[in-house]
Every structure is written in C-alpha cells, then in structure tokens.
N, C-alpha and C. Protein backbone atom coordinates (compact mmCIF):
# COMPACT_ATOMS: atom_id res chain seq x y z
N MET A 1 88.87 87.38 75.42
CA MET A 1 89.70 88.15 75.34
C MET A 1 89.56 89.25 76.38
N PRO A 2 90.65 89.74 77.08
CA PRO A 2 90.23 90.84 77.82
C PRO A 2 89.88 92.42 77.12
N LEU A 3 89.13 93.13 77.91
CA LEU A 3 88.84 94.24 77.18
C LEU A 3 89.91 95.29 77.31
N LEU A 4 90.12 96.41 76.51
CA LEU A 4 90.96 97.30 76.43
C LEU A 4 90.55 98.34 77.56
N PRO A 5 91.38 99.36 78.49
CA PRO A 5 90.98 100.31 79.25
C PRO A 5 90.20 100.98 78.62
N ILE A 6 90.98 101.94 77.73
CA ILE A 6 90.46 103.12 77.41
C ILE A 6 90.50 103.24 75.97
N TYR A 7 90.04 104.12 74.93
CA TYR A 7 90.03 104.41 73.48
C TYR A 7 91.03 105.37 73.29
N ASN A 8 91.16 106.43 73.59
CA ASN A 8 92.04 107.48 73.36
C ASN A 8 93.54 107.17 73.65
N LYS A 9 94.58 107.44 73.04
CA LYS A 9 95.84 107.28 72.82
C LYS A 9 96.59 108.34 73.85
N GLU A 10 95.75 109.44 74.11
CA GLU A 10 96.70 110.49 74.70
C GLU A 10 96.53 110.52 76.16
N CYS A 11 96.02 109.40 76.90
CA CYS A 11 95.62 109.25 77.99
C CYS A 11 94.81 110.05 79.10
N LEU A 12 93.93 110.64 77.97
CA LEU A 12 93.09 111.55 78.80
C LEU A 12 91.72 110.78 79.65
N VAL A 13 91.53 111.84 80.24
CA VAL A 13 90.49 111.32 81.43
C VAL A 13 89.07 110.77 80.47
N GLU A 14 89.09 109.75 80.13
CA GLU A 14 87.97 109.23 79.38
C GLU A 14 86.95 108.54 80.06
N ALA A 15 85.41 109.12 79.78
CA ALA A 15 84.30 108.34 80.24
C ALA A 15 83.66 107.57 79.00
N GLY A 16 83.41 106.46 79.69
CA GLY A 16 82.87 105.22 78.78
C GLY A 16 81.19 105.72 78.79
N VAL A 17 80.49 105.49 77.70
CA VAL A 17 79.06 105.90 77.42
C VAL A 17 78.32 104.71 76.84
N ASP A 18 77.23 104.32 77.52
CA ASP A 18 76.15 103.57 76.63
C ASP A 18 74.88 103.45 77.40
N GLU A 19 74.05 103.24 76.44
CA GLU A 19 72.78 103.29 76.81
C GLU A 19 72.17 102.00 77.06
N ALA A 20 70.72 101.61 77.46
CA ALA A 20 69.80 100.68 77.87
C ALA A 20 68.54 101.09 77.56
N GLY A 21 67.83 100.25 76.90
CA GLY A 21 65.98 100.21 76.59
C GLY A 21 65.91 100.99 75.42
N ARG A 22 66.85 101.09 74.35
CA ARG A 22 66.44 101.73 73.10
C ARG A 22 65.37 101.04 72.40
N GLY A 23 65.32 99.56 72.76
CA GLY A 23 64.41 98.90 71.33
C GLY A 23 63.22 98.36 72.68
N CYS A 24 62.71 99.12 73.73
CA CYS A 24 61.76 98.31 74.44
C CYS A 24 60.45 99.12 73.91
N PHE A 25 59.40 98.70 74.23
CA PHE A 25 57.98 99.03 73.75
C PHE A 25 57.55 99.94 74.86
N ALA A 26 57.93 99.95 76.26
CA ALA A 26 57.71 100.55 77.44
C ALA A 26 58.94 101.55 78.25
N GLY A 27 58.50 102.20 78.68
CA GLY A 27 59.66 102.82 80.01
C GLY A 27 60.62 104.00 78.94
N ASP A 28 61.32 104.53 80.03
CA ASP A 28 62.34 105.40 79.67
C ASP A 28 63.50 104.88 78.93
N VAL A 29 64.43 105.65 78.32
CA VAL A 29 65.62 105.20 78.05
C VAL A 29 66.62 105.47 79.09
N PHE A 30 67.32 104.82 79.39
CA PHE A 30 68.64 105.19 80.51
C PHE A 30 69.83 104.93 79.51
N ALA A 31 70.96 105.59 80.40
CA ALA A 31 72.36 105.66 80.00
C ALA A 31 73.19 105.88 81.18
N ALA A 32 74.38 105.55 81.00
CA ALA A 32 75.02 105.78 81.95
C ALA A 32 76.63 106.22 81.39
N ALA A 33 77.47 106.98 82.38
CA ALA A 33 78.67 107.34 81.59
C ALA A 33 79.79 106.91 83.07
N VAL A 34 81.02 106.24 82.88
CA VAL A 34 81.79 105.58 83.90
C VAL A 34 83.05 106.24 83.47
N ILE A 35 83.71 106.89 84.40
CA ILE A 35 85.53 107.26 84.51
C ILE A 35 85.96 105.88 85.54
N LEU A 36 86.63 105.10 84.86
CA LEU A 36 87.62 104.49 85.43
C LEU A 36 88.97 104.74 86.02
N PRO A 37 89.26 104.25 87.11
CA PRO A 37 90.89 104.71 87.53
C PRO A 37 91.85 104.32 86.46
N PRO A 38 92.98 105.05 86.14
CA PRO A 38 93.88 104.60 85.09
C PRO A 38 94.32 103.29 85.57
N HIS A 39 94.81 102.39 84.36
CA HIS A 39 95.00 101.18 84.57
C HIS A 39 94.10 100.23 85.21
N TYR A 40 92.85 100.53 85.49
CA TYR A 40 91.95 99.67 85.94
C TYR A 40 91.95 98.45 85.32
N ASP A 41 91.87 97.30 85.75
CA ASP A 41 91.54 95.92 84.79
C ASP A 41 90.57 94.92 85.84
N ASN A 42 89.35 94.94 85.34
CA ASN A 42 88.26 93.93 85.68
C ASN A 42 88.16 92.71 84.84
N PRO A 43 88.68 91.67 84.65
CA PRO A 43 88.74 90.82 83.64
C PRO A 43 87.42 90.32 83.77
N LEU A 44 86.22 90.54 84.55
CA LEU A 44 85.33 90.43 84.48
C LEU A 44 84.03 90.90 83.47
N LEU A 45 84.32 92.17 83.29
CA LEU A 45 83.67 93.26 82.33
C LEU A 45 83.60 92.86 81.11
N ASN A 46 82.51 93.02 80.39
CA ASN A 46 82.08 92.50 79.26
C ASN A 46 80.51 93.41 78.97
N ASP A 47 80.44 93.42 77.90
CA ASP A 47 79.18 94.04 77.25
C ASP A 47 77.99 93.09 78.29
N SER A 48 76.82 94.02 78.66
CA SER A 48 75.88 93.53 79.46
C SER A 48 75.26 92.55 78.99
N LYS A 49 74.97 92.61 77.63
CA LYS A 49 74.10 91.43 77.24
C LYS A 49 74.70 90.14 77.05
N GLN A 50 75.85 89.97 77.48
CA GLN A 50 76.72 89.07 77.26
C GLN A 50 76.91 88.24 78.85
N LEU A 51 76.17 88.98 80.05
CA LEU A 51 76.46 88.53 81.26
C LEU A 51 74.77 88.06 82.06
N THR A 52 74.96 87.13 82.69
CA THR A 52 73.63 86.89 83.53
C THR A 52 73.35 88.12 84.57
N PRO A 53 72.12 88.03 84.66
CA PRO A 53 71.53 88.90 85.72
C PRO A 53 72.32 89.15 87.08
N ARG A 54 72.66 88.14 87.62
CA ARG A 54 73.55 87.67 88.90
C ARG A 54 74.97 88.37 88.74
N ARG A 55 75.67 88.30 87.46
CA ARG A 55 76.93 88.89 87.18
C ARG A 55 77.02 90.28 87.25
N ARG A 56 75.74 90.80 86.38
CA ARG A 56 75.65 92.44 86.15
C ARG A 56 75.45 92.74 87.69
N GLU A 57 74.92 92.20 88.27
CA GLU A 57 74.63 93.19 89.70
C GLU A 57 75.86 93.04 90.58
N HIS A 58 76.61 91.92 90.34
CA HIS A 58 77.77 91.81 91.15
C HIS A 58 78.63 92.98 90.57
N LEU A 59 78.57 93.17 89.38
CA LEU A 59 79.76 93.90 88.81
C LEU A 59 79.11 95.58 88.91
N ARG A 60 77.82 95.65 88.98
CA ARG A 60 77.48 97.10 89.46
C ARG A 60 78.02 97.42 90.98
N THR A 61 77.80 96.75 91.65
CA THR A 61 78.40 96.99 92.89
C THR A 61 80.01 97.29 93.00
N GLU A 62 80.80 96.68 92.09
CA GLU A 62 82.00 96.61 91.87
C GLU A 62 82.43 97.87 91.17
N ILE A 63 81.92 98.39 90.20
CA ILE A 63 81.78 99.69 89.19
C ILE A 63 81.83 100.79 90.14
N GLU A 64 80.16 100.67 90.67
CA GLU A 64 80.05 101.72 91.57
C GLU A 64 81.06 101.91 92.69
N ARG A 65 81.60 101.04 93.24
CA ARG A 65 82.96 101.37 94.18
C ARG A 65 84.19 101.75 93.72
N ASP A 66 84.35 101.45 92.57
CA ASP A 66 85.68 101.48 92.09
C ASP A 66 85.90 102.66 91.10
N ALA A 67 84.81 103.18 90.45
CA ALA A 67 84.95 104.09 89.53
C ALA A 67 85.38 105.39 90.27
N LEU A 68 86.36 106.05 89.46
CA LEU A 68 86.47 107.46 89.79
C LEU A 68 85.31 108.32 89.83
N ALA A 69 84.15 108.30 88.89
CA ALA A 69 83.19 109.00 88.59
C ALA A 69 82.13 107.89 88.02
N TRP A 70 80.87 107.96 88.15
CA TRP A 70 79.80 107.42 87.39
C TRP A 70 78.53 108.08 87.66
N ALA A 71 77.61 108.02 86.58
CA ALA A 71 76.11 108.39 86.66
C ALA A 71 75.47 107.90 85.67
N VAL A 72 74.22 108.16 86.26
CA VAL A 72 72.99 107.70 85.04
C VAL A 72 72.12 108.54 84.63
N GLY A 73 71.81 108.97 83.40
CA GLY A 73 70.89 109.43 82.87
C GLY A 73 69.82 108.93 82.35
N ARG A 74 68.29 109.64 82.05
CA ARG A 74 67.54 109.01 81.20
C ARG A 74 66.78 110.23 80.69
N ALA A 75 65.94 109.55 79.63
CA ALA A 75 64.92 110.53 78.78
C ALA A 75 63.51 109.62 79.02
N SER A 76 62.41 110.44 79.20
CA SER A 76 61.37 109.72 79.30
C SER A 76 60.60 109.35 78.26
N VAL A 77 59.35 108.71 78.85
CA VAL A 77 58.54 108.26 77.23
C VAL A 77 57.84 109.21 76.59
N GLU A 78 57.73 110.24 77.28
CA GLU A 78 57.22 111.55 76.29
C GLU A 78 58.60 112.07 75.49
N GLU A 79 59.62 112.16 76.07
CA GLU A 79 60.49 112.62 75.54
C GLU A 79 61.06 112.05 73.97
N ILE A 80 60.88 110.44 74.31
CA ILE A 80 61.00 109.45 73.15
C ILE A 80 60.20 109.87 71.98
N ASP A 81 58.78 110.00 72.34
CA ASP A 81 57.65 110.24 71.62
C ASP A 81 58.06 111.57 70.76
N SER A 82 58.29 112.48 71.64
CA SER A 82 58.67 113.87 70.88
C SER A 82 59.53 113.95 69.96
N LEU A 83 60.68 113.71 70.30
CA LEU A 83 62.21 113.54 69.64
C LEU A 83 62.54 112.57 68.73
N ASN A 84 62.19 111.36 69.02
CA ASN A 84 62.22 109.86 68.62
C ASN A 84 63.16 109.21 69.19
N ILE A 85 63.65 108.22 69.30
CA ILE A 85 64.14 107.07 70.12
C ILE A 85 65.68 107.25 70.13
N LEU A 86 66.33 107.63 69.11
CA LEU A 86 67.86 107.98 68.83
C LEU A 86 67.97 109.28 69.71
N ARG A 87 67.54 110.12 69.49
CA ARG A 87 67.73 111.81 69.91
C ARG A 87 67.31 111.54 71.31
N ALA A 88 66.44 110.88 71.81
CA ALA A 88 66.00 110.55 73.11
C ALA A 88 67.32 109.92 73.84
N ALA A 89 67.90 108.93 73.25
CA ALA A 89 68.86 107.78 74.05
C ALA A 89 70.17 108.88 74.01
N ILE A 90 70.43 109.65 73.30
CA ILE A 90 71.65 110.80 73.31
C ILE A 90 71.37 111.63 74.24
N LEU A 91 70.23 112.24 74.32
CA LEU A 91 69.70 113.09 75.67
C LEU A 91 70.20 112.48 76.72
N ALA A 92 69.54 111.16 76.93
CA ALA A 92 69.77 110.44 78.36
C ALA A 92 71.40 110.27 78.16
N MET A 93 72.48 110.17 77.48
CA MET A 93 73.82 110.09 77.32
C MET A 93 74.16 111.52 78.01
N HIS A 94 73.92 112.60 77.38
CA HIS A 94 74.05 113.75 78.05
C HIS A 94 73.95 114.02 79.30
N ARG A 95 72.59 113.55 79.69
CA ARG A 95 72.42 113.77 81.15
C ARG A 95 73.35 112.91 82.07
N ALA A 96 73.45 111.94 81.80
CA ALA A 96 74.61 111.11 82.70
C ALA A 96 76.07 111.98 82.34
N LEU A 97 76.27 112.46 81.48
CA LEU A 97 77.31 112.95 81.29
C LEU A 97 77.44 114.18 82.15
N ASP A 98 76.01 115.02 82.20
CA ASP A 98 75.79 116.17 82.78
C ASP A 98 76.21 115.53 84.61
N ASN A 99 75.78 114.68 84.75
CA ASN A 99 75.79 114.28 86.37
C ASN A 99 77.08 113.74 86.84
N LEU A 100 77.82 113.53 86.15
CA LEU A 100 79.34 113.46 86.64
C LEU A 100 80.08 113.95 87.41
N GLN A 101 80.64 113.40 88.65
CA GLN A 101 81.31 114.57 89.22
C GLN A 101 82.49 115.00 89.08
N GLU A 102 83.08 114.35 87.97
CA GLU A 102 84.42 114.57 87.33
C GLU A 102 84.14 114.89 86.06
N ARG A 103 84.75 116.00 85.40
CA ARG A 103 84.66 116.19 83.85
C ARG A 103 85.82 115.15 83.09
N PRO A 104 85.04 114.64 82.19
CA PRO A 104 85.96 113.95 81.29
C PRO A 104 86.58 114.63 80.20
N GLN A 105 87.70 114.36 79.71
CA GLN A 105 88.35 114.99 78.90
C GLN A 105 88.30 114.56 77.27
N PHE A 106 87.91 113.19 77.40
CA PHE A 106 87.18 112.19 76.27
C PHE A 106 86.22 111.62 76.29
N ILE A 107 85.29 111.25 75.04
CA ILE A 107 83.99 110.43 75.41
C ILE A 107 84.17 109.42 74.76
N ALA A 108 84.12 108.04 75.07
CA ALA A 108 83.92 106.97 74.15
C ALA A 108 82.60 106.53 74.26
N VAL A 109 81.92 106.59 73.16
CA VAL A 109 80.48 106.06 73.15
C VAL A 109 80.37 104.74 72.44
N ASP A 110 79.25 103.78 72.82
CA ASP A 110 79.04 102.45 72.42
C ASP A 110 77.76 102.71 71.14
N GLY A 111 78.22 102.10 70.04
CA GLY A 111 77.56 102.61 68.63
C GLY A 111 78.28 103.33 67.71
N ASN A 112 77.38 103.86 66.89
CA ASN A 112 77.93 104.59 65.72
C ASN A 112 76.86 106.03 65.36
N LYS A 113 76.14 106.54 66.81
CA LYS A 113 75.67 107.72 66.70
C LYS A 113 75.70 108.46 68.19
N PHE A 114 75.89 109.91 67.95
CA PHE A 114 76.12 110.60 69.05
C PHE A 114 76.10 111.85 68.57
N LEU A 115 75.92 112.94 69.33
CA LEU A 115 75.88 114.63 69.17
C LEU A 115 77.03 115.08 70.00
N PRO A 116 77.53 115.89 69.38
CA PRO A 116 78.57 116.90 70.58
C PRO A 116 78.47 117.23 71.55
N TYR A 117 78.81 116.89 72.89
CA TYR A 117 78.67 117.27 74.12
C TYR A 117 79.83 118.53 74.46
N GLY A 118 79.14 119.55 74.17
CA GLY A 118 79.98 120.85 74.71
C GLY A 118 81.37 120.45 73.21
N ASP A 119 82.45 120.97 74.01
CA ASP A 119 83.49 120.72 73.07
C ASP A 119 84.36 119.65 73.47
N THR A 120 83.87 118.60 74.01
CA THR A 120 84.76 117.47 74.87
C THR A 120 84.80 116.85 73.42
N PRO A 121 86.08 116.13 72.99
CA PRO A 121 86.00 114.99 71.91
C PRO A 121 85.43 113.81 72.27
N PHE A 122 85.04 113.18 71.11
CA PHE A 122 84.57 112.02 71.32
C PHE A 122 84.73 111.20 70.05
N ALA A 123 84.34 109.63 70.21
CA ALA A 123 84.42 108.86 69.34
C ALA A 123 83.45 107.68 69.38
N THR A 124 82.56 107.28 68.21
CA THR A 124 81.68 106.14 68.64
C THR A 124 82.21 105.01 68.24
N ILE A 125 82.07 104.10 68.77
CA ILE A 125 82.53 102.59 68.62
C ILE A 125 81.67 101.50 68.51
N VAL A 126 81.58 101.20 67.17
CA VAL A 126 80.38 99.78 67.21
C VAL A 126 80.94 98.73 68.10
N LYS A 127 80.29 98.04 68.82
CA LYS A 127 80.56 96.91 69.80
C LYS A 127 81.51 97.43 70.61
N GLY A 128 81.45 98.76 71.07
CA GLY A 128 82.56 99.09 72.11
C GLY A 128 82.28 98.48 73.38
N ASP A 129 80.84 98.22 73.74
CA ASP A 129 80.68 97.59 75.04
C ASP A 129 81.39 96.26 75.22
N GLY A 130 81.96 95.44 74.20
CA GLY A 130 82.62 94.31 74.20
C GLY A 130 83.94 94.50 73.82
N THR A 131 84.39 96.00 73.55
CA THR A 131 85.89 96.14 73.51
C THR A 131 86.57 96.88 74.36
N TYR A 132 86.17 98.03 75.03
CA TYR A 132 86.36 98.71 76.19
C TYR A 132 85.81 98.27 77.50
N GLN A 133 86.66 98.39 78.60
CA GLN A 133 86.11 98.19 79.92
C GLN A 133 85.07 99.69 80.54
N ASN A 134 85.42 100.73 80.29
CA ASN A 134 84.75 102.04 80.59
C ASN A 134 83.59 101.91 79.81
N ILE A 135 83.37 101.65 78.43
CA ILE A 135 81.91 101.25 77.96
C ILE A 135 81.17 100.13 78.20
N ALA A 136 81.90 99.10 78.74
CA ALA A 136 81.26 98.08 79.35
C ALA A 136 80.76 98.23 80.71
N ALA A 137 81.37 99.11 81.39
CA ALA A 137 80.87 99.33 82.69
C ALA A 137 79.81 100.15 82.61
N ALA A 138 79.52 101.29 81.72
CA ALA A 138 78.55 102.07 81.53
C ALA A 138 77.57 100.92 81.10
N SER A 139 77.66 100.30 80.25
CA SER A 139 76.44 99.41 79.68
C SER A 139 75.75 98.56 80.72
N ILE A 140 76.90 97.97 81.64
CA ILE A 140 76.13 97.43 82.98
C ILE A 140 75.64 98.19 83.56
N LEU A 141 75.98 99.56 84.08
CA LEU A 141 75.21 100.22 84.93
C LEU A 141 73.66 100.60 84.31
N ALA A 142 73.86 101.14 82.99
CA ALA A 142 72.70 101.57 82.35
C ALA A 142 71.59 100.60 82.62
N LYS A 143 72.09 99.38 82.42
CA LYS A 143 71.03 97.96 82.11
C LYS A 143 70.71 97.97 83.57
N THR A 144 71.44 97.47 84.55
CA THR A 144 70.69 97.45 85.84
C THR A 144 70.11 98.50 86.61
N HIS A 145 70.35 99.67 86.32
CA HIS A 145 69.43 100.65 86.57
C HIS A 145 68.03 100.86 86.39
N ARG A 146 68.30 100.57 84.74
CA ARG A 146 67.07 100.29 84.08
C ARG A 146 66.31 99.26 84.52
N ASP A 147 66.68 98.00 84.57
CA ASP A 147 66.16 96.85 85.08
C ASP A 147 65.04 97.13 86.47
N ALA A 148 65.98 97.89 87.37
CA ALA A 148 65.33 98.15 88.55
C ALA A 148 64.36 99.07 88.48
N TYR A 149 64.27 99.97 87.61
CA TYR A 149 63.46 101.05 87.48
C TYR A 149 62.08 100.39 86.76
N MET A 150 62.35 99.42 85.63
CA MET A 150 61.17 98.62 85.39
C MET A 150 60.48 97.65 86.20
N ALA A 151 61.43 96.85 87.20
CA ALA A 151 61.01 96.06 87.91
C ALA A 151 59.91 96.75 88.97
N GLU A 152 60.20 98.27 89.19
CA GLU A 152 59.31 99.04 90.19
C GLU A 152 57.86 99.37 89.29
N LEU A 153 58.29 99.68 88.25
CA LEU A 153 56.80 99.85 87.40
C LEU A 153 55.95 98.69 87.55
N ALA A 154 56.67 97.69 87.52
CA ALA A 154 55.68 96.27 87.12
C ALA A 154 54.79 96.25 88.44
N LYS A 155 55.13 96.68 89.57
CA LYS A 155 54.09 96.85 90.50
C LYS A 155 52.96 97.44 90.75
N THR A 156 53.23 98.44 89.58
CA THR A 156 52.00 99.27 89.28
C THR A 156 51.16 98.59 88.07
N TYR A 157 51.81 98.27 87.19
CA TYR A 157 51.22 97.71 86.17
C TYR A 157 51.88 95.86 86.17
N PRO A 158 51.04 95.19 86.73
CA PRO A 158 51.73 93.69 86.89
C PRO A 158 51.45 92.81 85.59
N HIS A 159 50.56 92.85 84.95
CA HIS A 159 50.49 92.18 83.77
C HIS A 159 51.29 92.04 82.56
N PHE A 160 51.97 92.88 82.71
CA PHE A 160 53.03 93.02 81.52
C PHE A 160 54.18 92.11 81.76
N GLY A 161 54.73 91.82 82.62
CA GLY A 161 56.09 90.97 82.92
C GLY A 161 57.52 91.97 82.77
N TRP A 162 57.36 93.36 83.13
CA TRP A 162 58.33 94.18 83.11
C TRP A 162 59.33 93.66 84.19
N GLU A 163 59.05 93.17 85.13
CA GLU A 163 60.01 92.65 86.05
C GLU A 163 61.09 91.33 85.45
N HIS A 164 60.57 90.93 84.50
CA HIS A 164 61.24 89.90 83.68
C HIS A 164 61.80 90.45 82.18
N ASN A 165 60.86 91.23 81.53
CA ASN A 165 61.18 91.46 80.21
C ASN A 165 61.71 92.78 80.10
N ALA A 166 61.71 93.60 81.04
CA ALA A 166 62.22 94.94 81.23
C ALA A 166 61.56 95.99 80.09
N GLY A 167 60.24 95.63 79.49
CA GLY A 167 59.61 96.55 78.46
C GLY A 167 59.74 96.06 76.85
N TYR A 168 60.75 95.13 76.81
CA TYR A 168 60.92 94.57 75.61
C TYR A 168 59.63 93.86 74.90
N GLY A 169 59.79 93.39 73.54
CA GLY A 169 58.53 93.28 73.14
C GLY A 169 58.72 91.41 72.97
N THR A 170 58.47 91.21 74.34
CA THR A 170 58.46 89.46 74.40
C THR A 170 57.01 88.86 74.04
N ARG A 171 56.82 87.59 74.06
CA ARG A 171 55.90 87.07 73.90
C ARG A 171 54.78 87.16 74.73
N GLU A 172 55.17 87.37 75.97
CA GLU A 172 54.28 87.69 77.17
C GLU A 172 53.95 89.14 77.27
N HIS A 173 54.88 90.01 76.91
CA HIS A 173 54.48 91.45 76.94
C HIS A 173 53.61 91.63 75.90
N ARG A 174 53.40 91.12 74.59
CA ARG A 174 52.87 91.32 73.39
C ARG A 174 51.22 90.62 73.68
N HIS A 175 51.08 89.37 74.16
CA HIS A 175 49.94 88.96 74.89
C HIS A 175 49.22 89.98 75.91
N ALA A 176 50.12 90.33 76.43
CA ALA A 176 49.21 91.34 77.52
C ALA A 176 49.01 92.44 76.82
N ILE A 177 49.73 93.09 75.93
CA ILE A 177 49.03 94.37 75.27
C ILE A 177 47.86 93.92 74.27
N ARG A 178 47.70 92.75 73.99
CA ARG A 178 46.56 92.49 73.24
C ARG A 178 45.29 92.17 74.37
N THR A 179 45.81 91.67 75.68
CA THR A 179 44.73 91.88 76.73
C THR A 179 44.23 92.80 77.48
N TYR A 180 44.90 93.59 77.74
CA TYR A 180 44.75 94.81 78.62
C TYR A 180 45.04 96.29 77.99
N GLY A 181 45.30 96.22 76.60
CA GLY A 181 45.81 97.56 76.00
C GLY A 181 46.96 98.32 76.52
N LEU A 182 47.40 99.37 75.87
CA LEU A 182 48.13 100.04 76.56
C LEU A 182 48.28 100.67 77.44
N THR A 183 49.50 101.38 78.19
CA THR A 183 49.44 101.95 79.47
C THR A 183 50.20 103.32 79.27
N PRO A 184 49.75 104.37 80.02
CA PRO A 184 50.71 105.68 79.93
C PRO A 184 52.32 105.43 79.57
N LEU A 185 52.64 104.27 79.95
CA LEU A 185 54.21 104.09 79.67
C LEU A 185 54.54 103.45 78.54
N HIS A 186 53.89 102.85 77.73
CA HIS A 186 54.08 102.34 76.36
C HIS A 186 54.48 103.82 75.58
N ARG A 187 55.20 103.58 74.47
CA ARG A 187 55.85 104.65 73.41
C ARG A 187 55.02 104.29 72.22
N ARG A 188 54.21 105.44 72.34
CA ARG A 188 53.21 105.79 71.38
C ARG A 188 54.04 105.88 69.88
N SER A 189 55.13 106.38 69.63
CA SER A 189 55.60 106.96 68.33
C SER A 189 56.11 105.51 67.87
N PHE A 190 56.10 104.33 68.84
CA PHE A 190 56.61 102.88 68.39
C PHE A 190 55.61 102.40 67.48
N HIS A 191 54.35 103.04 67.56
CA HIS A 191 53.17 102.58 67.01
C HIS A 191 52.90 100.77 67.00
N ILE A 192 52.64 100.64 68.19
CA ILE A 192 52.58 99.34 68.92
C ILE A 192 51.31 99.03 68.44
N VAL A 193 50.71 98.23 67.53
CA VAL A 193 49.39 98.06 67.07
C VAL A 193 48.45 96.96 68.27
N ASP A 194 47.22 97.16 67.65
CA ASP A 194 46.58 96.33 68.66
C ASP A 194 46.68 95.13 69.22
N ASP A 195 47.32 94.24 68.38
CA ASP A 195 47.87 92.74 68.42
C ASP A 195 48.89 92.62 69.23
N GLY A 196 49.73 93.61 69.65
CA GLY A 196 50.86 93.81 70.22
C GLY A 196 52.13 93.65 69.48
N GLN A 197 51.93 93.92 68.02
CA GLN A 197 52.88 93.79 66.79
C GLN A 197 53.41 95.34 66.75
N LEU A 198 55.06 95.47 66.30
CA LEU A 198 55.55 96.71 66.09
C LEU A 198 55.53 97.07 64.95
N GLU A 199 54.50 98.17 64.45
CA GLU A 199 54.18 98.21 63.09
C GLU A 199 55.37 99.36 62.53
N LEU A 200 55.87 100.30 63.28
CA LEU A 200 56.65 101.21 62.86
C LEU A 200 57.80 101.47 63.95
N PHE A 201 59.22 100.95 63.46
CA PHE A 201 60.20 101.52 64.42
C PHE A 201 60.75 102.73 64.42
N ARG A 202 61.10 103.72 65.05
CA ARG A 202 61.33 104.60 64.55
C ARG A 202 62.88 104.94 65.06
C-alpha cells in the first residue's frame, strides 16, 4: 500500500525524522530529517529495513535530489555512554533538525519517544517509517549515511565486519569481540561482556 505524504492535517511544512544504529554494539547513532515537496509521491519509499542496500542507495540519491530540505545528525559513542542510547538518539534527531536549511512547522517522528524541539509541534508514530513518506525518507538517509560511516571505520578496525554488519551484534561481530576485544568505538554502556554477548541494554 502506498505511503501517506505527511502526518499533520493542517498542511504545515512537516519534517519526517528517524534514527539508525540505536541497537548497535559500536559506532555513533545517526538521525535524519527530511522535508519533502507538497504532494510528493515516490511509490518506492518504504521503511529502510524493508529495502535492499541497492534500493536504499538508489532512493538516497532521489531523496537528496528531490527534498526541499534534508539533513543528518549524529551523537557520538561517548554521548551514548554518558546520556544513554535513547537520549543520544533524540540528540541526534535534534541535530538533524538543527541542520535543516528550512524550518519545519511540524515534526513527525518514527517510534514512541521524543523530546520537544523548541516549540515546534510534533507527533511520535510507531512504525511511522512504513506509513509516511517523509519518515521513510529520513529512515533511508539515516541508514545509508550511517552504513557509509561504519564502512569507513571498518578500514581502521577490519576484524569486526562493520562494512557488512554496521556494528550490530551479528555472530561475526561477537566472534571478533571474543578474539580481539573491544575497540574505543564499542559502546561501554551496553555492557558487552568478554564473550561478545550483550549483558545489559540501556
């Protein structure tokens, strides 16, 4: 079923917002904010997790070309460990909004957690990335930008397969942790124990 263009009913300029990398063992958490043109319709847009890497990269090019405004923000591993992953993900979302060249009048956020961004009205929408085109577009940009970042980090830390697993706790990644230990880019607040298992997820 085609995704809806925007959430708000007042036709306000709306930014869709989503994050990527919240559940990873390593690396920064990324977020994106996207304002699409009025009446924009791209039938290929969907939740980034439902798309192949090739389709995501194709859509990234289209979104960055067609959007009225788009931006990416991130929060560092150090911020994740000091704030907790939820607050760091929201911080990355706020930074993406800060980086937009156009100010939104409404914010549509994937998920059920967000903190006010100034006095701009917002809504949190569970599975919003599979419902609204602007949130789907944000999910694609957050995912593709973060994947590129992790692939670059993999050149410095080649044993962990980050160019493939993007820092998630795959078997390959867990095995590398058991063999080589943790890097400075692993999230200490996730309490990854020596055997590569996740002891506590905050």
